Amino acid sequence: MSKKLNVKSCPFCGSTECVPRLMLGSSRFYHILCTNCGTTGPLVEEWDSKKKGVELSVNLWNKRK
């Protein structure tokens, strides 16, 4: 069973449809994307593990001010 990610809502539009994504054309850069307004979170570079890349991107997204 996979662990549910707790991703905070978008700081601009308030949408809860924010999902972790692999940057287009990349195999190691992850970020969070708001599917409503297109806002993206900071890029995380992770070579070894997709799971770790997703978790790091969620942590950065959730720690924003």
N, C-alpha and C. Protein backbone atom coordinates (compact mmCIF):
# COMPACT_ATOMS: atom_id res chain seq x y z
N MET A 1 0.84 -1.18 0.00
CA MET A 1 0.00 0.00 0.00
C MET A 1 0.89 1.24 0.00
N SER A 2 0.55 2.21 -0.84
CA SER A 2 1.36 3.43 -0.90
C SER A 2 0.86 4.45 0.12
N LYS A 3 1.81 5.24 0.59
CA LYS A 3 1.51 6.29 1.57
C LYS A 3 0.90 7.49 0.85
N LYS A 4 -0.19 8.04 1.39
CA LYS A 4 -0.83 9.20 0.79
C LYS A 4 0.01 10.44 1.07
N LEU A 5 0.23 11.21 0.02
CA LEU A 5 0.99 12.45 0.16
C LEU A 5 0.07 13.56 0.67
N ASN A 6 0.56 14.31 1.64
CA ASN A 6 -0.20 15.44 2.16
C ASN A 6 0.38 16.72 1.58
N VAL A 7 -0.15 17.11 0.43
CA VAL A 7 0.33 18.31 -0.27
C VAL A 7 -0.61 19.47 0.07
N LYS A 8 -0.03 20.57 0.56
CA LYS A 8 -0.84 21.76 0.88
C LYS A 8 -1.47 22.33 -0.38
N SER A 9 -2.53 23.10 -0.18
CA SER A 9 -3.22 23.74 -1.31
C SER A 9 -2.33 24.82 -1.93
N CYS A 10 -2.70 25.25 -3.12
CA CYS A 10 -1.95 26.26 -3.85
C CYS A 10 -2.04 27.61 -3.12
N PRO A 11 -0.91 28.31 -2.95
CA PRO A 11 -0.94 29.60 -2.26
C PRO A 11 -1.57 30.71 -3.08
N PHE A 12 -1.76 30.50 -4.38
CA PHE A 12 -2.30 31.55 -5.23
C PHE A 12 -3.78 31.39 -5.52
N CYS A 13 -4.20 30.17 -5.86
CA CYS A 13 -5.61 29.98 -6.21
C CYS A 13 -6.38 29.18 -5.17
N GLY A 14 -5.68 28.56 -4.22
CA GLY A 14 -6.33 27.79 -3.17
C GLY A 14 -6.72 26.37 -3.56
N SER A 15 -6.41 25.97 -4.78
CA SER A 15 -6.77 24.64 -5.25
C SER A 15 -6.05 23.55 -4.45
N THR A 16 -6.73 22.44 -4.26
CA THR A 16 -6.11 21.29 -3.61
C THR A 16 -5.59 20.29 -4.64
N GLU A 17 -5.68 20.64 -5.90
CA GLU A 17 -5.22 19.77 -7.00
C GLU A 17 -3.76 20.06 -7.32
N CYS A 18 -2.89 19.84 -6.34
CA CYS A 18 -1.45 20.06 -6.48
C CYS A 18 -0.77 18.70 -6.44
N VAL A 19 -0.04 18.39 -7.50
CA VAL A 19 0.52 17.05 -7.64
C VAL A 19 2.02 17.09 -7.90
N PRO A 20 2.74 16.09 -7.41
CA PRO A 20 4.17 16.00 -7.73
C PRO A 20 4.35 15.57 -9.17
N ARG A 21 5.34 16.16 -9.82
CA ARG A 21 5.59 15.87 -11.24
C ARG A 21 7.08 15.76 -11.48
N LEU A 22 7.43 14.98 -12.46
CA LEU A 22 8.78 14.94 -12.99
C LEU A 22 8.83 16.03 -14.05
N MET A 23 9.84 16.90 -13.98
CA MET A 23 9.94 17.98 -14.94
C MET A 23 9.99 17.43 -16.37
N LEU A 24 9.26 18.04 -17.26
CA LEU A 24 9.19 17.60 -18.65
C LEU A 24 10.58 17.50 -19.26
N GLY A 25 10.87 16.37 -19.84
CA GLY A 25 12.15 16.16 -20.50
C GLY A 25 13.29 15.79 -19.55
N SER A 26 12.96 15.53 -18.30
CA SER A 26 13.99 15.23 -17.31
C SER A 26 13.75 13.87 -16.70
N SER A 27 14.80 13.29 -16.14
CA SER A 27 14.64 12.04 -15.42
C SER A 27 15.09 12.19 -13.97
N ARG A 28 15.35 13.44 -13.54
CA ARG A 28 15.82 13.62 -12.18
C ARG A 28 15.33 14.88 -11.46
N PHE A 29 14.59 15.75 -12.12
CA PHE A 29 14.10 16.96 -11.48
C PHE A 29 12.60 16.85 -11.19
N TYR A 30 12.24 17.06 -9.93
CA TYR A 30 10.85 16.94 -9.48
C TYR A 30 10.35 18.28 -8.96
N HIS A 31 9.05 18.50 -9.04
CA HIS A 31 8.43 19.70 -8.49
C HIS A 31 6.95 19.42 -8.28
N ILE A 32 6.28 20.34 -7.60
CA ILE A 32 4.83 20.26 -7.41
C ILE A 32 4.19 21.19 -8.44
N LEU A 33 3.10 20.73 -9.03
CA LEU A 33 2.35 21.52 -10.02
C LEU A 33 0.92 21.67 -9.56
N CYS A 34 0.41 22.90 -9.54
CA CYS A 34 -1.01 23.14 -9.31
C CYS A 34 -1.70 22.97 -10.66
N THR A 35 -2.56 21.99 -10.76
CA THR A 35 -3.22 21.71 -12.04
C THR A 35 -4.32 22.71 -12.35
N ASN A 36 -4.65 23.58 -11.40
CA ASN A 36 -5.68 24.59 -11.65
C ASN A 36 -5.09 25.85 -12.28
N CYS A 37 -4.03 26.41 -11.67
CA CYS A 37 -3.49 27.68 -12.17
C CYS A 37 -2.09 27.55 -12.78
N GLY A 38 -1.44 26.39 -12.63
CA GLY A 38 -0.14 26.18 -13.25
C GLY A 38 1.05 26.58 -12.41
N THR A 39 0.83 27.02 -11.18
CA THR A 39 1.94 27.35 -10.30
C THR A 39 2.80 26.12 -10.07
N THR A 40 4.12 26.31 -10.04
CA THR A 40 5.02 25.20 -9.74
C THR A 40 5.88 25.53 -8.54
N GLY A 41 6.24 24.50 -7.82
CA GLY A 41 7.13 24.66 -6.67
C GLY A 41 8.58 24.58 -7.10
N PRO A 42 9.49 24.69 -6.14
CA PRO A 42 10.91 24.63 -6.45
C PRO A 42 11.31 23.27 -7.00
N LEU A 43 12.33 23.27 -7.85
CA LEU A 43 12.83 22.02 -8.41
C LEU A 43 13.73 21.31 -7.40
N VAL A 44 13.57 20.00 -7.36
CA VAL A 44 14.41 19.15 -6.53
C VAL A 44 15.13 18.19 -7.47
N GLU A 45 16.44 18.10 -7.32
CA GLU A 45 17.21 17.16 -8.13
C GLU A 45 17.46 15.90 -7.31
N GLU A 46 17.03 14.77 -7.83
CA GLU A 46 17.21 13.49 -7.16
C GLU A 46 17.54 12.43 -8.19
N TRP A 47 18.73 11.86 -8.11
CA TRP A 47 19.20 10.87 -9.07
C TRP A 47 18.78 9.45 -8.71
N ASP A 48 18.73 9.13 -7.44
CA ASP A 48 18.64 7.74 -7.02
C ASP A 48 17.23 7.18 -6.91
N SER A 49 16.28 7.96 -6.48
CA SER A 49 14.97 7.40 -6.15
C SER A 49 13.83 8.36 -6.51
N LYS A 50 12.89 7.87 -7.29
CA LYS A 50 11.71 8.67 -7.63
C LYS A 50 10.93 9.00 -6.36
N LYS A 51 10.77 8.01 -5.48
CA LYS A 51 10.02 8.21 -4.23
C LYS A 51 10.64 9.34 -3.41
N LYS A 52 11.96 9.33 -3.29
CA LYS A 52 12.64 10.37 -2.52
C LYS A 52 12.49 11.73 -3.19
N GLY A 53 12.58 11.78 -4.52
CA GLY A 53 12.39 13.04 -5.24
C GLY A 53 11.02 13.64 -5.02
N VAL A 54 10.00 12.78 -5.05
CA VAL A 54 8.62 13.23 -4.81
C VAL A 54 8.47 13.74 -3.38
N GLU A 55 9.00 12.99 -2.42
CA GLU A 55 8.89 13.40 -1.01
C GLU A 55 9.60 14.72 -0.75
N LEU A 56 10.78 14.91 -1.33
CA LEU A 56 11.50 16.17 -1.16
C LEU A 56 10.75 17.35 -1.77
N SER A 57 10.15 17.15 -2.94
CA SER A 57 9.40 18.24 -3.57
C SER A 57 8.16 18.60 -2.75
N VAL A 58 7.49 17.60 -2.19
CA VAL A 58 6.32 17.86 -1.33
C VAL A 58 6.76 18.62 -0.07
N ASN A 59 7.87 18.21 0.53
CA ASN A 59 8.35 18.89 1.73
C ASN A 59 8.66 20.36 1.46
N LEU A 60 9.31 20.66 0.34
CA LEU A 60 9.60 22.06 0.01
C LEU A 60 8.33 22.86 -0.25
N TRP A 61 7.39 22.28 -0.95
CA TRP A 61 6.11 22.93 -1.25
C TRP A 61 5.38 23.26 0.05
N ASN A 62 5.35 22.31 0.97
CA ASN A 62 4.62 22.49 2.23
C ASN A 62 5.30 23.43 3.20
N LYS A 63 6.60 23.69 3.05
CA LYS A 63 7.33 24.56 3.98
C LYS A 63 7.32 26.02 3.55
N ARG A 64 6.67 26.36 2.47
CA ARG A 64 6.69 27.74 1.99
C ARG A 64 6.05 28.69 3.00
N LYS A 65 6.39 29.93 2.89
CA LYS A 65 5.85 30.97 3.80
C LYS A 65 4.54 31.48 3.28
